[in-house]
Amino acid sequence: MKYAIIIVAISILISLILGIFLVWPGYRDWSEVRNQLDQKRLQLENQNKYIQSLKEAKKEMDKRGEIVSKVESALPIGPDAPSLLEFLQNASASSGIGLNKISWENISSGDEKERIKSHFFSAELAGSYFSFKNFLFALETSSRLIKVEQVNFFVPVAKGQSALIKIRARISSY
């Protein structure tokens, strides 16, 4: 019996020593891996939320993309002459008036701090008055900041010729 108590005490002592030196480091490693796993799960969840918010923002931008493009075309950075010329060609073709000649005037003010700059263009058109009204309507309803400043009409010399119309307009850019 005496030996049984000593054997039980030594067994408990050996179990504690083995537990402290063998099991405890394994438990700490397992606990650390579990914490890292929790952190990675949280990080993945946050990334998924971020990606979801980016997708929602993209959907919102796609919905409002037309508005943004209208604003960008209304106040383009710089005079953006090629896109303006393309717009004028398309507007004249769709309204049924011929665009014979166009010229671009760069008028720069001395003040570089001025944010909105004005540029002028002159166009020579050939066609009927009805077609000219449609062309002006296309200019007015476009999202660009175009202001027609001067219009000159020239009556055709011979029958069958279309009237010659000259306009001078201002376009504003940012």
N, C-alpha and C. Protein backbone atom coordinates (compact mmCIF):
# COMPACT_ATOMS: atom_id res chain seq x y z
N MET A 1 0.80 -1.16 0.00
CA MET A 1 0.00 0.00 0.00
C MET A 1 0.86 1.25 0.00
N LYS A 2 1.93 1.12 0.75
CA LYS A 2 2.86 2.22 0.83
C LYS A 2 3.44 2.51 -0.55
N TYR A 3 3.73 1.42 -1.23
CA TYR A 3 4.29 1.61 -2.56
C TYR A 3 3.25 2.14 -3.55
N ALA A 4 2.01 1.82 -3.33
CA ALA A 4 0.95 2.25 -4.23
C ALA A 4 0.79 3.77 -4.20
N ILE A 5 0.88 4.36 -3.05
CA ILE A 5 0.76 5.82 -2.94
C ILE A 5 1.97 6.47 -3.61
N ILE A 6 3.13 5.90 -3.42
CA ILE A 6 4.34 6.45 -4.04
C ILE A 6 4.23 6.30 -5.56
N ILE A 7 3.75 5.15 -6.02
CA ILE A 7 3.62 4.92 -7.46
C ILE A 7 2.59 5.89 -8.05
N VAL A 8 1.50 6.12 -7.37
CA VAL A 8 0.47 7.06 -7.85
C VAL A 8 1.05 8.48 -7.86
N ALA A 9 1.77 8.86 -6.83
CA ALA A 9 2.36 10.20 -6.76
C ALA A 9 3.39 10.39 -7.86
N ILE A 10 4.23 9.36 -8.07
CA ILE A 10 5.25 9.45 -9.12
C ILE A 10 4.55 9.48 -10.49
N SER A 11 3.51 8.72 -10.68
CA SER A 11 2.77 8.71 -11.96
C SER A 11 2.14 10.08 -12.23
N ILE A 12 1.58 10.68 -11.20
CA ILE A 12 0.99 12.02 -11.36
C ILE A 12 2.08 13.03 -11.67
N LEU A 13 3.22 12.92 -10.99
CA LEU A 13 4.34 13.82 -11.24
C LEU A 13 4.87 13.64 -12.66
N ILE A 14 5.03 12.42 -13.11
CA ILE A 14 5.50 12.16 -14.48
C ILE A 14 4.47 12.68 -15.49
N SER A 15 3.19 12.48 -15.21
CA SER A 15 2.13 12.98 -16.10
C SER A 15 2.18 14.50 -16.19
N LEU A 16 2.37 15.17 -15.05
CA LEU A 16 2.47 16.64 -15.06
C LEU A 16 3.70 17.09 -15.84
N ILE A 17 4.83 16.43 -15.62
CA ILE A 17 6.05 16.81 -16.33
C ILE A 17 5.88 16.57 -17.83
N LEU A 18 5.34 15.42 -18.21
CA LEU A 18 5.09 15.15 -19.63
C LEU A 18 4.09 16.15 -20.20
N GLY A 19 3.06 16.47 -19.43
CA GLY A 19 2.06 17.44 -19.88
C GLY A 19 2.67 18.81 -20.09
N ILE A 20 3.54 19.21 -19.16
CA ILE A 20 4.16 20.53 -19.27
C ILE A 20 5.13 20.59 -20.44
N PHE A 21 5.94 19.57 -20.60
CA PHE A 21 6.99 19.63 -21.61
C PHE A 21 6.58 19.09 -22.98
N LEU A 22 5.62 18.22 -23.06
CA LEU A 22 5.22 17.66 -24.35
C LEU A 22 3.87 18.19 -24.84
N VAL A 23 2.88 18.20 -24.01
CA VAL A 23 1.53 18.58 -24.44
C VAL A 23 1.37 20.10 -24.49
N TRP A 24 1.89 20.82 -23.52
CA TRP A 24 1.70 22.26 -23.46
C TRP A 24 2.27 22.98 -24.69
N PRO A 25 3.49 22.70 -25.17
CA PRO A 25 3.96 23.36 -26.39
C PRO A 25 3.08 23.03 -27.60
N GLY A 26 2.62 21.81 -27.70
CA GLY A 26 1.71 21.44 -28.80
C GLY A 26 0.40 22.21 -28.71
N TYR A 27 -0.11 22.37 -27.50
CA TYR A 27 -1.35 23.13 -27.31
C TYR A 27 -1.14 24.60 -27.69
N ARG A 28 0.02 25.16 -27.29
CA ARG A 28 0.30 26.56 -27.64
C ARG A 28 0.39 26.72 -29.15
N ASP A 29 1.07 25.77 -29.83
CA ASP A 29 1.17 25.83 -31.29
C ASP A 29 -0.22 25.73 -31.93
N TRP A 30 -1.03 24.80 -31.44
CA TRP A 30 -2.38 24.63 -31.96
C TRP A 30 -3.21 25.89 -31.73
N SER A 31 -3.07 26.49 -30.55
CA SER A 31 -3.81 27.71 -30.23
C SER A 31 -3.36 28.86 -31.14
N GLU A 32 -2.06 28.94 -31.40
CA GLU A 32 -1.54 29.99 -32.27
C GLU A 32 -2.04 29.80 -33.71
N VAL A 33 -2.04 28.57 -34.18
CA VAL A 33 -2.55 28.28 -35.53
C VAL A 33 -4.04 28.60 -35.60
N ARG A 34 -4.78 28.30 -34.56
CA ARG A 34 -6.20 28.61 -34.53
C ARG A 34 -6.44 30.12 -34.57
N ASN A 35 -5.63 30.89 -33.83
CA ASN A 35 -5.75 32.34 -33.86
C ASN A 35 -5.42 32.88 -35.25
N GLN A 36 -4.37 32.34 -35.88
CA GLN A 36 -4.03 32.76 -37.23
C GLN A 36 -5.16 32.44 -38.21
N LEU A 37 -5.75 31.27 -38.04
CA LEU A 37 -6.88 30.88 -38.89
C LEU A 37 -8.06 31.84 -38.70
N ASP A 38 -8.34 32.22 -37.47
CA ASP A 38 -9.41 33.19 -37.21
C ASP A 38 -9.10 34.53 -37.84
N GLN A 39 -7.83 34.96 -37.75
CA GLN A 39 -7.43 36.23 -38.37
C GLN A 39 -7.58 36.16 -39.88
N LYS A 40 -7.17 35.05 -40.48
CA LYS A 40 -7.29 34.90 -41.94
C LYS A 40 -8.76 34.87 -42.36
N ARG A 41 -9.61 34.21 -41.57
CA ARG A 41 -11.04 34.21 -41.86
C ARG A 41 -11.61 35.62 -41.81
N LEU A 42 -11.22 36.36 -40.79
CA LEU A 42 -11.68 37.74 -40.65
C LEU A 42 -11.17 38.59 -41.81
N GLN A 43 -9.91 38.39 -42.17
CA GLN A 43 -9.32 39.13 -43.29
C GLN A 43 -10.05 38.78 -44.59
N LEU A 44 -10.34 37.51 -44.80
CA LEU A 44 -11.07 37.07 -45.99
C LEU A 44 -12.48 37.65 -46.01
N GLU A 45 -13.12 37.68 -44.87
CA GLU A 45 -14.47 38.25 -44.77
C GLU A 45 -14.44 39.75 -45.09
N ASN A 46 -13.44 40.45 -44.57
CA ASN A 46 -13.30 41.88 -44.86
C ASN A 46 -13.01 42.11 -46.34
N GLN A 47 -12.16 41.26 -46.93
CA GLN A 47 -11.89 41.40 -48.36
C GLN A 47 -13.15 41.15 -49.18
N ASN A 48 -13.93 40.17 -48.78
CA ASN A 48 -15.19 39.91 -49.49
C ASN A 48 -16.15 41.09 -49.38
N LYS A 49 -16.22 41.69 -48.20
CA LYS A 49 -17.07 42.88 -48.02
C LYS A 49 -16.56 44.02 -48.90
N TYR A 50 -15.24 44.19 -48.94
CA TYR A 50 -14.64 45.26 -49.75
C TYR A 50 -14.92 45.02 -51.23
N ILE A 51 -14.75 43.78 -51.68
CA ILE A 51 -15.02 43.45 -53.08
C ILE A 51 -16.49 43.67 -53.39
N GLN A 52 -17.36 43.32 -52.47
CA GLN A 52 -18.80 43.54 -52.66
C GLN A 52 -19.10 45.03 -52.76
N SER A 53 -18.47 45.83 -51.91
CA SER A 53 -18.71 47.28 -51.98
C SER A 53 -18.16 47.85 -53.29
N LEU A 54 -17.03 47.30 -53.78
CA LEU A 54 -16.51 47.75 -55.07
C LEU A 54 -17.45 47.37 -56.21
N LYS A 55 -18.04 46.19 -56.13
CA LYS A 55 -19.00 45.78 -57.16
C LYS A 55 -20.22 46.69 -57.15
N GLU A 56 -20.69 47.04 -55.95
CA GLU A 56 -21.84 47.95 -55.85
C GLU A 56 -21.47 49.33 -56.39
N ALA A 57 -20.26 49.79 -56.08
CA ALA A 57 -19.82 51.09 -56.60
C ALA A 57 -19.71 51.06 -58.12
N LYS A 58 -19.22 49.95 -58.67
CA LYS A 58 -19.12 49.82 -60.12
C LYS A 58 -20.51 49.83 -60.75
N LYS A 59 -21.46 49.13 -60.13
CA LYS A 59 -22.83 49.14 -60.65
C LYS A 59 -23.39 50.56 -60.64
N GLU A 60 -23.11 51.28 -59.56
CA GLU A 60 -23.59 52.67 -59.45
C GLU A 60 -22.92 53.55 -60.51
N MET A 61 -21.63 53.33 -60.73
CA MET A 61 -20.92 54.10 -61.76
C MET A 61 -21.45 53.75 -63.15
N ASP A 62 -21.76 52.47 -63.37
CA ASP A 62 -22.33 52.08 -64.66
C ASP A 62 -23.69 52.72 -64.87
N LYS A 63 -24.48 52.81 -63.79
CA LYS A 63 -25.79 53.46 -63.89
C LYS A 63 -25.62 54.94 -64.23
N ARG A 64 -24.64 55.56 -63.62
CA ARG A 64 -24.46 57.00 -63.80
C ARG A 64 -23.40 57.32 -64.85
N GLY A 65 -22.91 56.32 -65.55
CA GLY A 65 -21.87 56.51 -66.56
C GLY A 65 -22.30 57.46 -67.66
N GLU A 66 -23.56 57.38 -68.03
CA GLU A 66 -24.06 58.25 -69.08
C GLU A 66 -24.01 59.71 -68.62
N ILE A 67 -24.36 59.94 -67.38
CA ILE A 67 -24.33 61.30 -66.84
C ILE A 67 -22.89 61.81 -66.78
N VAL A 68 -21.98 60.95 -66.32
CA VAL A 68 -20.57 61.34 -66.23
C VAL A 68 -20.02 61.65 -67.61
N SER A 69 -20.35 60.83 -68.60
CA SER A 69 -19.84 61.09 -69.95
C SER A 69 -20.44 62.37 -70.53
N LYS A 70 -21.68 62.68 -70.18
CA LYS A 70 -22.27 63.94 -70.64
C LYS A 70 -21.55 65.13 -70.04
N VAL A 71 -21.23 65.04 -68.76
CA VAL A 71 -20.51 66.14 -68.11
C VAL A 71 -19.11 66.27 -68.70
N GLU A 72 -18.44 65.14 -68.94
CA GLU A 72 -17.10 65.19 -69.52
C GLU A 72 -17.13 65.76 -70.93
N SER A 73 -18.17 65.43 -71.69
CA SER A 73 -18.23 65.97 -73.05
C SER A 73 -18.69 67.42 -73.05
N ALA A 74 -19.44 67.83 -72.02
CA ALA A 74 -19.86 69.22 -71.93
C ALA A 74 -18.69 70.13 -71.59
N LEU A 75 -17.87 69.69 -70.68
CA LEU A 75 -16.68 70.45 -70.30
C LEU A 75 -15.45 69.56 -70.45
N PRO A 76 -15.02 69.31 -71.67
CA PRO A 76 -13.85 68.46 -71.83
C PRO A 76 -12.60 69.19 -71.35
N ILE A 77 -11.59 68.40 -71.02
CA ILE A 77 -10.31 68.99 -70.64
C ILE A 77 -9.62 69.39 -71.94
N GLY A 78 -9.45 70.67 -72.14
CA GLY A 78 -8.89 71.17 -73.39
C GLY A 78 -9.99 71.32 -74.43
N PRO A 79 -9.67 71.92 -75.55
CA PRO A 79 -10.69 72.19 -76.54
C PRO A 79 -11.24 70.94 -77.21
N ASP A 80 -10.46 69.87 -77.26
CA ASP A 80 -10.92 68.59 -77.79
C ASP A 80 -11.49 68.76 -79.19
N ALA A 81 -10.70 69.36 -80.08
CA ALA A 81 -11.13 69.66 -81.44
C ALA A 81 -11.55 68.43 -82.23
N PRO A 82 -10.83 67.31 -82.19
CA PRO A 82 -11.27 66.16 -83.01
C PRO A 82 -12.67 65.66 -82.66
N SER A 83 -12.98 65.56 -81.37
CA SER A 83 -14.31 65.07 -81.02
C SER A 83 -15.38 66.10 -81.37
N LEU A 84 -15.04 67.39 -81.28
CA LEU A 84 -16.00 68.43 -81.68
C LEU A 84 -16.27 68.35 -83.17
N LEU A 85 -15.21 68.17 -83.96
CA LEU A 85 -15.39 68.08 -85.41
C LEU A 85 -16.22 66.84 -85.77
N GLU A 86 -15.97 65.75 -85.09
CA GLU A 86 -16.76 64.54 -85.33
C GLU A 86 -18.23 64.78 -84.97
N PHE A 87 -18.45 65.47 -83.85
CA PHE A 87 -19.82 65.79 -83.44
C PHE A 87 -20.50 66.67 -84.49
N LEU A 88 -19.79 67.69 -84.99
CA LEU A 88 -20.38 68.58 -85.98
C LEU A 88 -20.69 67.83 -87.28
N GLN A 89 -19.81 66.93 -87.68
CA GLN A 89 -20.07 66.13 -88.89
C GLN A 89 -21.29 65.24 -88.70
N ASN A 90 -21.38 64.60 -87.55
CA ASN A 90 -22.53 63.73 -87.28
C ASN A 90 -23.83 64.54 -87.20
N ALA A 91 -23.77 65.71 -86.55
CA ALA A 91 -24.96 66.55 -86.42
C ALA A 91 -25.41 67.06 -87.78
N SER A 92 -24.46 67.47 -88.63
CA SER A 92 -24.84 67.96 -89.95
C SER A 92 -25.39 66.83 -90.82
N ALA A 93 -24.80 65.66 -90.72
CA ALA A 93 -25.28 64.52 -91.51
C ALA A 93 -26.67 64.09 -91.07
N SER A 94 -26.91 64.07 -89.77
CA SER A 94 -28.23 63.63 -89.28
C SER A 94 -29.31 64.67 -89.53
N SER A 95 -28.95 65.94 -89.63
CA SER A 95 -29.96 66.97 -89.88
C SER A 95 -30.17 67.21 -91.37
N GLY A 96 -29.34 66.64 -92.22
CA GLY A 96 -29.53 66.76 -93.66
C GLY A 96 -28.90 68.01 -94.25
N ILE A 97 -27.95 68.59 -93.58
CA ILE A 97 -27.28 69.78 -94.09
C ILE A 97 -25.82 69.41 -94.38
N GLY A 98 -25.26 70.01 -95.41
CA GLY A 98 -23.88 69.69 -95.78
C GLY A 98 -22.90 70.59 -95.04
N LEU A 99 -21.85 69.99 -94.52
CA LEU A 99 -20.79 70.73 -93.83
C LEU A 99 -19.65 70.90 -94.83
N ASN A 100 -19.56 72.12 -95.42
CA ASN A 100 -18.57 72.35 -96.48
C ASN A 100 -17.20 72.69 -95.93
N LYS A 101 -17.15 73.53 -94.92
CA LYS A 101 -15.86 74.04 -94.45
C LYS A 101 -15.98 74.34 -92.96
N ILE A 102 -14.89 74.12 -92.25
CA ILE A 102 -14.88 74.45 -90.83
C ILE A 102 -13.50 74.97 -90.47
N SER A 103 -13.47 75.96 -89.60
CA SER A 103 -12.18 76.50 -89.14
C SER A 103 -12.23 76.66 -87.63
N TRP A 104 -11.09 76.54 -87.02
CA TRP A 104 -10.94 76.54 -85.56
C TRP A 104 -10.11 77.74 -85.16
N GLU A 105 -10.56 78.49 -84.17
CA GLU A 105 -9.82 79.66 -83.69
C GLU A 105 -9.48 79.45 -82.22
N ASN A 106 -8.20 79.46 -81.93
CA ASN A 106 -7.76 79.38 -80.54
C ASN A 106 -7.59 80.79 -80.01
N ILE A 107 -8.40 81.15 -79.07
CA ILE A 107 -8.30 82.47 -78.46
C ILE A 107 -7.94 82.24 -77.01
N SER A 108 -6.73 82.63 -76.66
CA SER A 108 -6.29 82.42 -75.27
C SER A 108 -6.24 83.76 -74.56
N SER A 109 -6.76 83.75 -73.36
CA SER A 109 -6.70 84.97 -72.55
C SER A 109 -5.37 85.01 -71.83
N GLY A 110 -5.01 86.15 -71.35
CA GLY A 110 -3.74 86.29 -70.63
C GLY A 110 -3.76 85.64 -69.26
N ASP A 111 -4.95 85.41 -68.73
CA ASP A 111 -5.07 84.85 -67.39
C ASP A 111 -5.04 83.32 -67.45
N GLU A 112 -3.97 82.73 -66.98
CA GLU A 112 -3.83 81.26 -66.98
C GLU A 112 -4.65 80.63 -65.86
N LYS A 113 -5.05 81.42 -64.86
CA LYS A 113 -5.81 80.88 -63.74
C LYS A 113 -7.28 80.68 -64.10
N GLU A 114 -7.70 81.23 -65.21
CA GLU A 114 -9.09 81.09 -65.63
C GLU A 114 -9.35 79.62 -65.96
N ARG A 115 -10.33 79.03 -65.32
CA ARG A 115 -10.54 77.58 -65.45
C ARG A 115 -11.33 77.22 -66.70
N ILE A 116 -12.31 78.02 -67.06
CA ILE A 116 -13.10 77.72 -68.25
C ILE A 116 -12.61 78.60 -69.38
N LYS A 117 -12.18 77.96 -70.45
CA LYS A 117 -11.61 78.68 -71.59
C LYS A 117 -12.59 78.59 -72.76
N SER A 118 -12.60 79.63 -73.58
CA SER A 118 -13.49 79.67 -74.73
C SER A 118 -12.67 79.54 -76.01
N HIS A 119 -13.20 78.80 -76.94
CA HIS A 119 -12.60 78.63 -78.26
C HIS A 119 -13.72 78.85 -79.27
N PHE A 120 -13.36 79.35 -80.43
CA PHE A 120 -14.35 79.63 -81.45
C PHE A 120 -14.15 78.72 -82.65
N PHE A 121 -15.24 78.39 -83.32
CA PHE A 121 -15.14 77.70 -84.60
C PHE A 121 -16.13 78.34 -85.55
N SER A 122 -15.78 78.33 -86.81
CA SER A 122 -16.65 78.83 -87.86
C SER A 122 -16.94 77.68 -88.80
N ALA A 123 -18.17 77.59 -89.26
CA ALA A 123 -18.56 76.51 -90.16
C ALA A 123 -19.35 77.07 -91.33
N GLU A 124 -19.13 76.50 -92.49
CA GLU A 124 -19.87 76.87 -93.69
C GLU A 124 -20.75 75.68 -94.05
N LEU A 125 -22.05 75.92 -94.06
CA LEU A 125 -23.03 74.86 -94.27
C LEU A 125 -23.80 75.13 -95.55
N ALA A 126 -24.28 74.09 -96.19
CA ALA A 126 -25.11 74.23 -97.39
C ALA A 126 -26.33 73.35 -97.23
N GLY A 127 -27.50 73.96 -97.41
CA GLY A 127 -28.73 73.18 -97.28
C GLY A 127 -29.93 74.08 -97.12
N SER A 128 -31.05 73.48 -96.82
CA SER A 128 -32.30 74.23 -96.67
C SER A 128 -32.39 74.84 -95.27
N TYR A 129 -33.33 75.77 -95.15
CA TYR A 129 -33.54 76.41 -93.85
C TYR A 129 -34.04 75.38 -92.83
N PHE A 130 -34.89 74.46 -93.25
CA PHE A 130 -35.40 73.42 -92.37
C PHE A 130 -34.25 72.55 -91.84
N SER A 131 -33.33 72.19 -92.72
CA SER A 131 -32.17 71.39 -92.30
C SER A 131 -31.30 72.19 -91.33
N PHE A 132 -31.17 73.49 -91.59
CA PHE A 132 -30.38 74.34 -90.70
C PHE A 132 -31.02 74.40 -89.31
N LYS A 133 -32.36 74.51 -89.26
CA LYS A 133 -33.05 74.50 -87.97
C LYS A 133 -32.79 73.20 -87.22
N ASN A 134 -32.82 72.09 -87.93
CA ASN A 134 -32.52 70.79 -87.30
C ASN A 134 -31.08 70.75 -86.78
N PHE A 135 -30.15 71.32 -87.55
CA PHE A 135 -28.75 71.36 -87.13
C PHE A 135 -28.59 72.21 -85.87
N LEU A 136 -29.23 73.37 -85.84
CA LEU A 136 -29.17 74.22 -84.64
C LEU A 136 -29.80 73.52 -83.44
N PHE A 137 -30.89 72.81 -83.67
CA PHE A 137 -31.52 72.06 -82.58
C PHE A 137 -30.56 71.00 -82.04
N ALA A 138 -29.83 70.34 -82.94
CA ALA A 138 -28.85 69.33 -82.51
C ALA A 138 -27.74 69.98 -81.69
N LEU A 139 -27.31 71.18 -82.07
CA LEU A 139 -26.29 71.90 -81.29
C LEU A 139 -26.82 72.28 -79.92
N GLU A 140 -28.06 72.78 -79.89
CA GLU A 140 -28.64 73.24 -78.63
C GLU A 140 -28.91 72.09 -77.66
N THR A 141 -29.32 70.96 -78.18
CA THR A 141 -29.65 69.83 -77.30
C THR A 141 -28.45 68.96 -76.96
N SER A 142 -27.31 69.26 -77.55
CA SER A 142 -26.12 68.47 -77.20
C SER A 142 -25.67 68.84 -75.79
N SER A 143 -24.88 67.98 -75.21
CA SER A 143 -24.41 68.23 -73.85
C SER A 143 -23.22 69.17 -73.83
N ARG A 144 -22.71 69.54 -74.98
CA ARG A 144 -21.57 70.45 -75.04
C ARG A 144 -22.02 71.89 -74.80
N LEU A 145 -21.11 72.68 -74.32
CA LEU A 145 -21.41 74.10 -74.10
C LEU A 145 -21.07 74.87 -75.38
N ILE A 146 -22.03 74.89 -76.29
CA ILE A 146 -21.85 75.56 -77.58
C ILE A 146 -22.85 76.71 -77.66
N LYS A 147 -22.33 77.87 -77.99
CA LYS A 147 -23.19 79.05 -78.13
C LYS A 147 -22.96 79.62 -79.53
N VAL A 148 -24.01 79.64 -80.34
CA VAL A 148 -23.91 80.20 -81.68
C VAL A 148 -23.94 81.72 -81.54
N GLU A 149 -22.90 82.37 -82.03
CA GLU A 149 -22.79 83.82 -81.86
C GLU A 149 -23.23 84.59 -83.11
N GLN A 150 -23.00 84.02 -84.28
CA GLN A 150 -23.29 84.76 -85.50
C GLN A 150 -23.74 83.78 -86.58
N VAL A 151 -24.77 84.18 -87.34
CA VAL A 151 -25.28 83.37 -88.45
C VAL A 151 -25.43 84.28 -89.66
N ASN A 152 -24.89 83.85 -90.79
CA ASN A 152 -25.02 84.59 -92.05
C ASN A 152 -25.65 83.67 -93.09
N PHE A 153 -26.66 84.19 -93.80
CA PHE A 153 -27.32 83.44 -94.86
C PHE A 153 -26.93 84.05 -96.20
N PHE A 154 -26.68 83.21 -97.17
CA PHE A 154 -26.39 83.66 -98.53
C PHE A 154 -27.37 82.96 -99.47
N VAL A 155 -28.10 83.77 -100.22
CA VAL A 155 -29.12 83.25 -101.12
C VAL A 155 -28.42 82.60 -102.32
N PRO A 156 -28.93 81.45 -102.78
CA PRO A 156 -28.30 80.79 -103.93
C PRO A 156 -28.45 81.63 -105.19
N VAL A 157 -27.41 81.64 -106.02
CA VAL A 157 -27.42 82.43 -107.25
C VAL A 157 -28.28 81.76 -108.31
N ALA A 158 -28.12 80.49 -108.48
CA ALA A 158 -28.87 79.77 -109.50
C ALA A 158 -29.95 78.91 -108.85
N LYS A 159 -30.98 78.60 -109.64
CA LYS A 159 -32.04 77.74 -109.15
C LYS A 159 -31.49 76.34 -108.95
N GLY A 160 -31.97 75.68 -107.92
CA GLY A 160 -31.52 74.31 -107.66
C GLY A 160 -30.33 74.24 -106.71
N GLN A 161 -29.65 75.36 -106.50
CA GLN A 161 -28.54 75.37 -105.55
C GLN A 161 -29.11 75.54 -104.14
N SER A 162 -28.41 75.00 -103.19
CA SER A 162 -28.86 75.16 -101.81
C SER A 162 -28.27 76.44 -101.23
N ALA A 163 -28.95 76.96 -100.22
CA ALA A 163 -28.51 78.19 -99.57
C ALA A 163 -27.20 77.94 -98.82
N LEU A 164 -26.36 78.95 -98.77
CA LEU A 164 -25.10 78.87 -98.05
C LEU A 164 -25.29 79.57 -96.71
N ILE A 165 -24.92 78.89 -95.66
CA ILE A 165 -25.10 79.41 -94.31
C ILE A 165 -23.75 79.38 -93.62
N LYS A 166 -23.36 80.49 -93.02
CA LYS A 166 -22.12 80.54 -92.26
C LYS A 166 -22.47 80.82 -90.80
N ILE A 167 -21.87 80.05 -89.90
CA ILE A 167 -22.10 80.30 -88.47
C ILE A 167 -20.75 80.47 -87.79
N ARG A 168 -20.79 81.21 -86.70
CA ARG A 168 -19.62 81.35 -85.82
C ARG A 168 -20.12 81.04 -84.42
N ALA A 169 -19.45 80.11 -83.76
CA ALA A 169 -19.92 79.67 -82.45
C ALA A 169 -18.76 79.59 -81.48
N ARG A 170 -19.10 79.64 -80.21
CA ARG A 170 -18.13 79.55 -79.13
C ARG A 170 -18.35 78.22 -78.41
N ILE A 171 -17.25 77.53 -78.13
CA ILE A 171 -17.32 76.31 -77.33
C ILE A 171 -16.45 76.53 -76.10
N SER A 172 -16.97 76.14 -74.96
CA SER A 172 -16.23 76.32 -73.70
C SER A 172 -15.63 74.99 -73.27
N SER A 173 -14.43 75.07 -72.73
CA SER A 173 -13.76 73.86 -72.23
C SER A 173 -13.15 74.16 -70.89
N TYR A 174 -12.86 73.10 -70.16
CA TYR A 174 -12.34 73.22 -68.81
C TYR A 174 -10.84 73.09 -68.83
